[in-house]
N, C-alpha and C. Protein backbone atom coordinates (compact mmCIF):
# COMPACT_ATOMS: atom_id res chain seq x y z
N MET A 1 -113.83 -172.56 42.58
CA MET A 1 -114.88 -174.35 43.08
C MET A 1 -114.41 -174.06 43.41
N THR A 2 -115.55 -174.10 45.07
CA THR A 2 -115.28 -174.77 46.51
C THR A 2 -116.00 -176.04 46.40
N LEU A 3 -115.39 -176.74 48.28
CA LEU A 3 -115.92 -177.82 48.20
C LEU A 3 -116.44 -178.17 49.67
N THR A 4 -117.29 -177.93 50.12
CA THR A 4 -118.22 -178.21 51.82
C THR A 4 -118.22 -179.44 52.23
N VAL A 5 -118.01 -180.36 53.13
CA VAL A 5 -118.20 -182.04 53.40
C VAL A 5 -118.71 -181.39 54.35
N GLU A 6 -119.91 -182.12 54.58
CA GLU A 6 -120.52 -182.63 56.08
C GLU A 6 -120.92 -183.91 56.49
N GLY A 7 -120.41 -184.43 57.22
CA GLY A 7 -121.29 -185.69 58.39
C GLY A 7 -121.69 -186.33 59.42
N ALA A 8 -122.33 -187.15 58.70
CA ALA A 8 -123.72 -188.07 59.99
C ALA A 8 -123.34 -188.96 60.09
N SER A 9 -123.06 -189.80 61.77
CA SER A 9 -123.05 -190.77 61.95
C SER A 9 -125.42 -191.40 61.97
N THR A 10 -126.14 -190.80 62.51
CA THR A 10 -127.56 -191.04 63.10
C THR A 10 -128.35 -190.23 61.73
N ALA A 11 -129.68 -190.15 61.50
CA ALA A 11 -130.13 -189.60 60.87
C ALA A 11 -131.45 -188.20 62.07
N ALA A 12 -130.76 -188.18 63.29
CA ALA A 12 -131.10 -186.90 63.65
C ALA A 12 -130.16 -186.47 63.10
N GLU A 13 -128.59 -186.56 63.89
CA GLU A 13 -127.39 -186.40 62.95
C GLU A 13 -127.98 -184.89 61.46
N TRP A 14 -128.73 -185.88 60.71
CA TRP A 14 -128.65 -185.89 59.79
C TRP A 14 -129.94 -184.40 59.60
N ASN A 15 -131.28 -184.50 60.39
CA ASN A 15 -132.23 -183.82 60.32
C ASN A 15 -131.96 -182.39 60.86
N GLY A 16 -131.00 -182.72 62.18
CA GLY A 16 -130.69 -181.51 63.28
C GLY A 16 -129.66 -180.70 62.58
N ALA A 17 -128.36 -180.96 62.26
CA ALA A 17 -127.12 -180.07 62.07
C ALA A 17 -125.65 -181.26 61.82
N PRO A 18 -125.34 -181.50 61.03
CA PRO A 18 -124.80 -182.34 60.93
C PRO A 18 -123.12 -181.92 61.00
N ASN A 19 -122.59 -182.59 61.32
CA ASN A 19 -120.38 -182.25 61.59
C ASN A 19 -120.07 -181.77 60.55
N LEU A 20 -120.23 -180.55 60.58
CA LEU A 20 -119.19 -179.70 59.29
C LEU A 20 -117.46 -179.69 59.41
N VAL A 21 -117.11 -181.02 58.61
CA VAL A 21 -115.72 -181.33 58.34
C VAL A 21 -114.45 -180.12 57.10
N VAL A 22 -116.04 -179.58 56.43
CA VAL A 22 -114.72 -178.37 55.63
C VAL A 22 -115.59 -177.90 55.00
N ALA A 23 -115.85 -176.30 55.39
CA ALA A 23 -116.01 -175.22 54.83
C ALA A 23 -115.42 -174.35 53.67
N ASN A 24 -116.37 -174.64 52.01
CA ASN A 24 -115.57 -173.89 50.70
C ASN A 24 -114.17 -173.50 50.87
N ALA A 25 -113.11 -175.66 51.40
CA ALA A 25 -112.54 -175.70 50.72
C ALA A 25 -112.25 -175.58 49.57
N PRO A 26 -111.10 -174.53 48.51
CA PRO A 26 -111.02 -174.20 47.74
C PRO A 26 -110.08 -175.68 47.16
N LEU A 27 -110.41 -176.33 45.22
CA LEU A 27 -109.97 -177.87 44.80
C LEU A 27 -108.92 -176.59 44.44
N VAL A 28 -107.89 -177.71 44.55
CA VAL A 28 -106.84 -177.90 43.76
C VAL A 28 -106.46 -179.16 42.78
N THR A 29 -104.83 -178.53 41.77
CA THR A 29 -105.09 -179.35 40.76
C THR A 29 -103.68 -180.18 40.64
N LYS A 30 -103.80 -181.27 40.72
CA LYS A 30 -103.32 -181.68 40.83
C LYS A 30 -102.45 -181.93 39.80
N PRO A 31 -100.99 -182.32 39.75
CA PRO A 31 -99.53 -183.03 38.60
C PRO A 31 -100.79 -183.19 37.19
N LEU A 32 -101.31 -184.39 37.43
CA LEU A 32 -102.12 -184.75 35.69
C LEU A 32 -103.14 -184.09 35.42
N GLY A 33 -103.32 -182.32 35.89
CA GLY A 33 -104.71 -182.21 35.65
C GLY A 33 -106.02 -181.97 36.50
N GLU A 34 -106.09 -183.38 36.90
CA GLU A 34 -107.23 -183.47 37.70
C GLU A 34 -107.46 -182.30 38.74
N LEU A 35 -108.69 -182.21 40.17
CA LEU A 35 -108.85 -181.54 40.96
C LEU A 35 -109.19 -182.14 41.93
N ALA A 36 -108.54 -181.62 43.01
CA ALA A 36 -108.94 -182.26 44.24
C ALA A 36 -108.78 -180.98 45.85
N VAL A 37 -109.09 -181.59 46.44
CA VAL A 37 -109.51 -181.29 47.80
C VAL A 37 -108.74 -182.64 48.91
N PHE A 38 -107.98 -182.25 49.61
CA PHE A 38 -107.16 -183.08 50.75
C PHE A 38 -107.90 -182.62 51.63
N LEU A 39 -107.94 -183.86 52.19
CA LEU A 39 -109.78 -183.95 54.28
C LEU A 39 -108.58 -184.39 54.94
N ALA A 40 -107.29 -185.09 54.79
CA ALA A 40 -106.11 -185.96 56.15
C ALA A 40 -106.10 -184.16 56.82
N GLY A 41 -107.02 -184.50 58.55
CA GLY A 41 -105.95 -184.13 59.28
C GLY A 41 -107.81 -183.28 59.36
N TYR A 42 -108.88 -183.44 59.27
CA TYR A 42 -110.10 -182.85 59.59
C TYR A 42 -110.24 -183.81 59.77
N PRO A 43 -111.26 -183.62 60.73
CA PRO A 43 -112.78 -184.46 61.48
C PRO A 43 -113.29 -184.94 61.21
N ALA A 44 -112.28 -186.02 60.64
CA ALA A 44 -114.32 -186.85 59.83
C ALA A 44 -113.83 -188.27 60.26
N ARG A 45 -114.81 -188.49 61.00
CA ARG A 45 -115.41 -189.20 61.95
C ARG A 45 -116.65 -190.18 61.76
N ASP A 46 -117.64 -189.66 61.10
CA ASP A 46 -118.94 -190.61 60.67
C ASP A 46 -118.84 -190.85 59.98
N ARG A 47 -120.55 -191.41 59.94
CA ARG A 47 -120.28 -192.11 58.99
C ARG A 47 -120.86 -192.47 57.07
N TYR A 48 -121.87 -191.03 56.97
CA TYR A 48 -122.73 -190.67 56.03
C TYR A 48 -121.45 -189.53 55.82
N TYR A 49 -121.30 -188.87 54.66
CA TYR A 49 -121.10 -187.90 54.31
C TYR A 49 -121.98 -187.45 52.59
N ARG A 50 -121.56 -186.03 52.70
CA ARG A 50 -122.59 -185.30 51.69
C ARG A 50 -121.66 -184.62 51.55
N TYR A 51 -121.30 -183.44 49.66
CA TYR A 51 -120.78 -183.11 49.83
C TYR A 51 -120.56 -181.77 48.52
N THR A 52 -121.03 -180.88 48.62
CA THR A 52 -121.11 -179.93 48.45
C THR A 52 -120.28 -178.87 47.34
N PHE A 53 -120.32 -178.90 46.51
CA PHE A 53 -119.58 -178.79 45.40
C PHE A 53 -120.41 -177.13 45.14
N SER A 54 -119.44 -175.68 44.53
CA SER A 54 -120.25 -174.06 44.64
C SER A 54 -118.60 -174.16 43.22
N SER A 55 -119.25 -172.95 42.75
CA SER A 55 -118.54 -172.02 42.18
C SER A 55 -119.51 -170.60 41.82
N ALA A 56 -118.73 -169.48 41.99
CA ALA A 56 -119.88 -168.45 41.09
C ALA A 56 -118.87 -167.98 39.93
N GLY A 57 -119.01 -169.42 39.28
CA GLY A 57 -117.70 -168.51 37.22
C GLY A 57 -119.07 -169.30 36.70
N THR A 58 -118.77 -169.03 35.74
CA THR A 58 -119.17 -169.77 34.37
C THR A 58 -119.28 -172.04 33.85
N ILE A 59 -119.07 -172.03 34.81
CA ILE A 59 -118.35 -173.81 34.79
C ILE A 59 -120.37 -174.42 34.89
N GLN A 60 -120.60 -175.54 34.25
CA GLN A 60 -122.36 -176.06 33.96
C GLN A 60 -122.46 -176.68 34.72
N THR A 61 -123.00 -176.99 35.75
CA THR A 61 -123.10 -178.11 36.52
C THR A 61 -122.93 -179.35 35.92
N THR A 62 -123.52 -179.49 35.21
CA THR A 62 -123.60 -180.54 34.95
C THR A 62 -122.46 -182.13 34.00
N ASP A 63 -121.74 -180.30 32.96
CA ASP A 63 -120.69 -181.11 33.44
C ASP A 63 -119.63 -180.93 34.10
N PHE A 64 -119.57 -180.95 34.95
CA PHE A 64 -118.88 -181.26 36.25
C PHE A 64 -119.32 -182.49 36.40
N LEU A 65 -120.34 -182.44 36.59
CA LEU A 65 -120.61 -183.83 37.85
C LEU A 65 -121.24 -184.89 36.86
N ARG A 66 -121.16 -185.25 35.46
CA ARG A 66 -121.00 -185.95 34.74
C ARG A 66 -119.35 -186.53 33.84
N LEU A 67 -118.58 -185.34 34.53
CA LEU A 67 -116.97 -186.05 35.26
C LEU A 67 -117.04 -186.51 36.25
N ALA A 68 -117.20 -186.18 37.33
CA ALA A 68 -116.64 -185.79 39.30
C ALA A 68 -116.88 -187.14 39.09
N SER A 69 -115.61 -187.01 40.02
CA SER A 69 -115.20 -188.82 40.77
C SER A 69 -114.94 -188.61 42.26
N ILE A 70 -115.10 -189.34 43.00
CA ILE A 70 -114.85 -189.36 44.35
C ILE A 70 -114.10 -189.75 44.52
N GLU A 71 -113.59 -190.28 45.24
CA GLU A 71 -112.16 -191.49 46.01
C GLU A 71 -112.70 -191.31 47.25
N GLY A 72 -112.14 -192.12 48.07
CA GLY A 72 -111.54 -191.88 49.50
C GLY A 72 -111.05 -193.32 50.23
N GLY A 73 -110.13 -193.32 50.99
CA GLY A 73 -109.46 -193.85 51.60
C GLY A 73 -110.49 -194.02 53.28
N ILE A 74 -110.30 -195.53 52.99
CA ILE A 74 -110.22 -195.83 55.22
C ILE A 74 -108.74 -195.72 55.97
N LEU A 75 -108.93 -194.65 56.60
CA LEU A 75 -107.64 -195.70 57.35
C LEU A 75 -108.06 -195.34 59.22
N HIS A 76 -108.23 -196.02 60.21
CA HIS A 76 -108.76 -197.34 61.92
C HIS A 76 -107.24 -197.06 61.87
N ARG A 77 -108.08 -196.23 63.28
CA ARG A 77 -106.98 -195.68 63.48
C ARG A 77 -107.82 -197.00 65.26
N VAL A 78 -106.82 -196.76 66.06
CA VAL A 78 -106.61 -198.05 67.37
C VAL A 78 -106.46 -197.68 68.86
């Protein structure tokens, strides 16, 4: 399973070409079995984000989305 993250701060960016933060990043398994993608170091400076999960396997999308949780932290730079 992979994750693509796109971001935008204005409606024009969403309608035109959103900023690509990361494309097809593989999910890694954390020590307690949770799946994660760590975005530290990527150019994520937008206000709104779109997450696209892709899988070539047999995982059921409804099962995955029922169990999914998105966590984010904000880091302000001065």
